[in-house]
Each structure stands twice: as structure tokens, then as C-alpha cells.
Amino acid sequence: MIARNIDWGSIRFVVFDVDGTLYNQRMLRLRMAGELIADAVARGSLTNLRVLRAYRSLREAIGEGEIDDFQASLMTRTVARTGQPAERIEAIVSEWIERRPLAYIASCRYDGLVELFAGLRRQNKSIGIYSDYPADEKLQRMTLSADYILAASDPGVGIQKPDPRGLQLLMQRAGVGPAQTVLIGDRPERDGIAARRAGVMPLIRSDGPREGWLTFSTYSDPVFAALRAEEASG
């Protein structure tokens, strides 16, 4: 169902997922794929490709399994699947998942976010970030800032969505309750379920409708109009 109206007056805390929610993840991955292929040709080796494929696949499965202390389990499984030592895997992940994509992320940021964040601040709403991956540098590159930032790998969390632990910790830090919070994400099966488990309203960014979920396609959609009203009249 396409979201039309939300009572933003009752909302004090708006939490965003990052990957696929704040920027076009498909566009970024296509650009990174080009770099990876060029790197593989230059090295004459598919090791980086194989490690990254295994790491992403296993991380996804561990998220679905809601495994606690997921990083230790992820590394053990990636070592077992690839035969590469942990130090090598960490170096590849650091370079190709954490560092190199930063060069492209600003150009993949969705339109309307700077204005939306400004509207939220004008109306004294706190902004939160709840991501399965560390997000601080990504936000800096996208020239976005938040009041509370939390990743699944941070102390006190240690588990990925759809487990709601990180979202509950964010609300605790912000001093708000579930009824005062909205979670904006792009994956109903992760972001949406984490929100519902925490008693929070989920709002899903999607190019098309998703049955059973409130959705929007762009940050210029009518559901955000009340947050842009002051800007328009100012």
C-alpha cells in the first residue's frame, strides 16, 4: 500500500536504514563490479571475487538465522568456505566493502534526502541510523548527519536485522518509545520485521507496492509533504 499520510506530529524519532535506503545500492554495486573485474584481470586471480561472494552470502544467511555474535560466526564460516586466512578475508572486506565504495556513494544518494533531513530538524525530530554495516563514513560522503548512529556490529548489538535489538537500543538512547518512532528501510523482511517486532511503524522504500507494507518510491512522495511544508512556505 502506498503511504499517503502519517501523523508526523506524533513522531519524535525517524530512523533510517542505509544501504538501499539512502542510496541506490544496485547502481553502486554495478560500479564496484566493474572495479572488481578489472582488479581480477590485472591480478590474474579470482580470490577477491570468491571471498566477497562467500562473505556476502554467508552474512545474509547469518542475518536470516538471527545468529548472535554474528561477526565471529561469519569469519569462521568464510574461512571454512574459501580456505583463506582470516587476516586476508578481513583485508579484502575492508578494501572492497568498506573503503572503495565510498568513492561512489555520494553520486548514488537518493534525491530529496538533504531536504528531508533538514525538514526533520526544523520540526525538532531526532534522526537515527540503524545499519547492518558501519555507516559513519558513508553518511559523511553523502553529506548527511544523524543524532544517533548504530551498526549491527557495534557493542551491545552483535546481531543483524530482523532482530530488533539495535532498534530498541537506538530508541533507548534517544529517549523515545515505539509509538514515537518510524523506521524507514528498503527490505520488509529485514527492516520491516525488525520495526514490527519493536512496535515501531515501518515505512518501506520500494519502486512498486509491497503487499502488507506501507511504501513510498521517492523522498518527494506525498507521505513526506508535511515535513517539506515549512520549506515551501518559507
Protein backbone atom coordinates (compact mmCIF):
# COMPACT_ATOMS: atom_id res chain seq x y z
CA MET A 1 0.00 0.00 0.00
CA ILE A 2 1.42 3.39 -0.99
CA ALA A 3 1.85 5.58 2.06
CA ARG A 4 -0.10 8.83 1.85
CA ASN A 5 -0.49 10.25 5.32
CA ILE A 6 1.46 9.68 8.51
CA ASP A 7 0.79 11.66 11.67
CA TRP A 8 4.26 13.18 11.78
CA GLY A 9 3.16 15.35 14.70
CA SER A 10 3.26 12.31 16.97
CA ILE A 11 6.67 11.18 15.68
CA ARG A 12 9.80 12.30 17.54
CA PHE A 13 12.38 9.88 16.12
CA VAL A 14 12.92 8.89 12.46
CA VAL A 15 15.35 6.02 11.95
CA PHE A 16 16.86 5.21 8.55
CA ASP A 17 18.49 2.08 7.23
CA VAL A 18 21.44 2.96 4.95
CA ASP A 19 22.20 0.52 2.13
CA GLY A 20 19.40 0.63 -0.43
CA THR A 21 17.50 3.21 1.63
CA LEU A 22 19.71 6.31 1.49
CA TYR A 23 21.42 5.45 -1.78
CA ASN A 24 20.86 3.33 -4.89
CA GLN A 25 22.63 0.14 -3.90
CA ARG A 26 22.20 -1.53 -7.28
CA MET A 27 23.91 1.38 -9.05
CA LEU A 28 26.80 1.32 -6.59
CA ARG A 29 27.23 -2.46 -6.88
CA LEU A 30 27.36 -2.24 -10.67
CA ARG A 31 30.17 0.28 -10.43
CA MET A 32 32.02 -1.85 -7.90
CA ALA A 33 31.57 -4.94 -10.09
CA GLY A 34 33.44 -3.13 -12.85
CA GLU A 35 36.30 -2.38 -10.48
CA LEU A 36 36.37 -5.94 -9.19
CA ILE A 37 36.52 -7.45 -12.67
CA ALA A 38 39.31 -5.07 -13.68
CA ASP A 39 41.19 -5.99 -10.50
CA ALA A 40 40.76 -9.72 -11.15
CA VAL A 41 42.10 -9.34 -14.69
CA ALA A 42 45.06 -7.27 -13.51
CA ARG A 43 45.91 -9.79 -10.78
CA GLY A 44 45.10 -12.86 -12.82
CA SER A 45 43.25 -14.08 -9.74
CA LEU A 46 39.62 -14.60 -8.72
CA THR A 47 40.40 -14.77 -4.99
CA ASN A 48 38.89 -11.39 -4.14
CA LEU A 49 35.72 -12.15 -6.08
CA ARG A 50 35.33 -15.55 -4.44
CA VAL A 51 35.93 -14.22 -0.93
CA LEU A 52 33.46 -11.35 -1.36
CA ARG A 53 30.79 -13.63 -2.84
CA ALA A 54 31.17 -16.07 0.06
CA TYR A 55 31.26 -13.31 2.68
CA ARG A 56 28.09 -11.62 1.39
CA SER A 57 26.21 -14.90 1.02
CA LEU A 58 27.15 -16.10 4.50
CA ARG A 59 26.38 -12.71 6.08
CA GLU A 60 22.92 -12.84 4.53
CA ALA A 61 22.30 -16.39 5.80
CA ILE A 62 23.55 -15.49 9.30
CA GLY A 63 21.20 -12.47 9.31
CA GLU A 64 18.27 -14.66 8.34
CA GLY A 65 19.26 -17.10 11.07
CA GLU A 66 19.43 -14.27 13.63
CA ILE A 67 22.73 -15.55 14.98
CA ASP A 68 24.13 -13.68 17.97
CA ASP A 69 27.76 -12.51 17.97
CA PHE A 70 27.42 -12.81 14.20
CA GLN A 71 30.86 -11.49 13.27
CA ALA A 72 32.71 -14.40 14.86
CA SER A 73 30.42 -16.89 13.17
CA LEU A 74 30.72 -15.07 9.86
CA MET A 75 34.51 -15.13 9.89
CA THR A 76 34.67 -18.81 10.88
CA ARG A 77 32.31 -19.78 8.07
CA THR A 78 34.05 -17.60 5.47
CA VAL A 79 37.43 -19.14 6.33
CA ALA A 80 35.90 -22.60 6.02
CA ARG A 81 34.23 -21.87 2.68
CA THR A 82 37.11 -20.04 0.98
CA GLY A 83 40.19 -21.61 2.55
CA GLN A 84 41.62 -18.12 3.01
CA PRO A 85 43.07 -17.00 6.38
CA ALA A 86 41.01 -14.59 8.49
CA GLU A 87 43.56 -11.78 8.06
CA ARG A 88 43.28 -12.00 4.26
CA ILE A 89 39.47 -12.04 4.40
CA GLU A 90 39.43 -9.00 6.71
CA ALA A 91 41.74 -7.10 4.34
CA ILE A 92 39.58 -7.89 1.29
CA VAL A 93 36.36 -6.93 3.09
CA SER A 94 37.91 -3.73 4.40
CA GLU A 95 39.08 -2.69 0.94
CA TRP A 96 36.13 -3.75 -1.22
CA ILE A 97 33.10 -3.42 1.07
CA GLU A 98 34.13 -0.65 3.44
CA ARG A 99 36.66 1.61 1.65
CA ARG A 100 36.35 1.54 -2.14
CA PRO A 101 32.55 2.05 -2.39
CA LEU A 102 32.91 5.37 -0.55
CA ALA A 103 34.16 6.96 -3.78
CA TYR A 104 30.81 6.33 -5.48
CA ILE A 105 28.29 6.65 -2.69
CA ALA A 106 27.64 10.41 -2.97
CA SER A 107 26.68 10.09 -6.64
CA CYS A 108 24.29 7.23 -5.77
CA ARG A 109 22.50 9.12 -2.95
CA TYR A 110 18.75 9.36 -3.49
CA ASP A 111 17.30 12.77 -4.35
CA GLY A 112 15.41 14.67 -1.68
CA LEU A 113 17.26 13.35 1.36
CA VAL A 114 19.11 16.55 2.23
CA GLU A 115 15.78 18.40 2.18
CA LEU A 116 14.04 15.69 4.21
CA PHE A 117 16.75 15.66 6.87
CA ALA A 118 16.55 19.47 7.04
CA GLY A 119 12.76 19.25 7.42
CA LEU A 120 13.07 16.74 10.24
CA ARG A 121 15.50 19.03 12.06
CA ARG A 122 13.25 22.08 11.57
CA GLN A 123 10.48 20.15 13.29
CA ASN A 124 12.79 19.08 16.12
CA LYS A 125 12.68 15.39 15.27
CA SER A 126 15.73 13.29 16.06
CA ILE A 127 17.35 11.34 13.23
CA GLY A 128 18.68 7.84 13.78
CA ILE A 129 20.70 5.46 11.63
CA TYR A 130 20.40 1.70 12.13
CA SER A 131 22.50 -0.28 9.65
CA ASP A 132 23.86 -3.79 9.39
CA TYR A 133 27.17 -2.22 8.30
CA PRO A 134 29.15 0.66 9.86
CA ALA A 135 27.66 3.89 8.49
CA ASP A 136 29.61 6.90 9.78
CA GLU A 137 31.85 7.38 6.75
CA LYS A 138 29.02 6.66 4.32
CA LEU A 139 26.96 9.44 5.89
CA GLN A 140 29.87 11.86 5.71
CA ARG A 141 30.36 11.14 1.99
CA MET A 142 26.63 11.69 1.38
CA THR A 143 26.76 14.94 3.43
CA LEU A 144 24.12 13.63 5.80
CA SER A 145 24.27 13.68 9.58
CA ALA A 146 22.28 11.93 12.28
CA ASP A 147 21.80 12.29 16.02
CA TYR A 148 22.22 8.58 16.79
CA ILE A 149 24.12 6.07 14.65
CA LEU A 150 24.23 2.36 15.31
CA ALA A 151 25.51 -0.65 13.35
CA ALA A 152 24.80 -4.33 13.96
CA SER A 153 28.49 -4.87 14.74
CA ASP A 154 28.56 -2.25 17.50
CA PRO A 155 28.95 -3.19 21.19
CA GLY A 156 25.63 -4.05 22.75
CA VAL A 157 24.11 -5.21 19.45
CA GLY A 158 26.02 -8.07 17.81
CA ILE A 159 23.04 -9.29 15.79
CA GLN A 160 21.62 -8.24 12.45
CA LYS A 161 18.08 -7.33 11.45
CA PRO A 162 15.36 -8.62 11.60
CA ASP A 163 16.30 -8.96 15.28
CA PRO A 164 15.10 -5.67 16.83
CA ARG A 165 17.88 -5.32 19.41
CA GLY A 166 19.69 -2.48 17.65
CA LEU A 167 16.48 -0.52 17.06
CA GLN A 168 15.48 -0.92 20.71
CA LEU A 169 18.92 0.32 21.80
CA LEU A 170 18.63 3.35 19.50
CA MET A 171 15.24 4.27 20.94
CA GLN A 172 16.63 3.91 24.44
CA ARG A 173 19.48 6.29 23.59
CA ALA A 174 17.07 8.76 22.00
CA GLY A 175 14.73 8.58 24.98
CA VAL A 176 11.66 7.75 22.89
CA GLY A 177 9.09 4.97 22.76
CA PRO A 178 7.99 2.81 19.81
CA ALA A 179 4.84 4.87 19.18
CA GLN A 180 7.02 7.97 18.65
CA THR A 181 9.32 6.23 16.16
CA VAL A 182 9.30 5.44 12.42
CA LEU A 183 11.83 3.15 10.73
CA ILE A 184 12.50 3.85 7.05
CA GLY A 185 14.10 0.94 5.20
CA ASP A 186 14.07 -0.90 1.89
CA ARG A 187 13.70 -4.55 2.93
CA PRO A 188 10.41 -5.64 4.51
CA GLU A 189 11.89 -8.98 5.52
CA ARG A 190 14.68 -7.24 7.47
CA ASP A 191 13.89 -3.59 8.21
CA GLY A 192 10.13 -4.06 8.25
CA ILE A 193 10.08 -7.07 10.55
CA ALA A 194 12.67 -5.53 12.92
CA ALA A 195 10.41 -2.47 13.21
CA ARG A 196 7.26 -4.50 13.82
CA ARG A 197 8.96 -6.62 16.47
CA ALA A 198 9.99 -3.43 18.25
CA GLY A 199 6.48 -1.99 17.97
CA VAL A 200 7.67 0.69 15.54
CA MET A 201 5.93 1.81 12.33
CA PRO A 202 7.89 0.63 9.25
CA LEU A 203 7.94 2.68 6.05
CA ILE A 204 9.47 0.85 3.09
CA ARG A 205 11.22 2.50 0.12
CA SER A 206 10.24 0.47 -2.93
CA ASP A 207 9.84 1.05 -6.65
CA GLY A 208 6.49 -0.77 -6.50
CA PRO A 209 3.86 -1.73 -3.91
CA ARG A 210 4.68 -4.43 -1.38
CA GLU A 211 1.69 -6.33 -0.08
CA GLY A 212 1.06 -5.68 3.60
CA TRP A 213 3.55 -2.81 3.85
CA LEU A 214 3.36 0.98 3.72
CA THR A 215 5.64 2.02 0.85
CA PHE A 216 6.98 5.09 -0.94
CA SER A 217 9.15 5.31 -4.05
CA THR A 218 10.96 8.65 -3.68
CA TYR A 219 11.67 11.17 -0.93
CA SER A 220 9.46 13.64 -2.81
CA ASP A 221 6.37 11.44 -2.33
CA PRO A 222 3.24 12.87 -0.63
CA VAL A 223 3.92 10.99 2.61
CA PHE A 224 6.77 13.43 3.31
CA ALA A 225 4.88 16.58 2.29
CA ALA A 226 4.24 17.71 5.87
CA LEU A 227 7.97 17.67 6.52
CA ARG A 228 8.62 19.91 3.50
CA ALA A 229 5.71 22.31 4.10
CA GLU A 230 7.69 24.83 6.14
CA GLU A 231 10.42 24.91 3.50
CA ALA A 232 7.85 25.53 0.76
CA SER A 233 6.16 28.34 2.69
CA GLY A 234 9.39 29.87 3.94
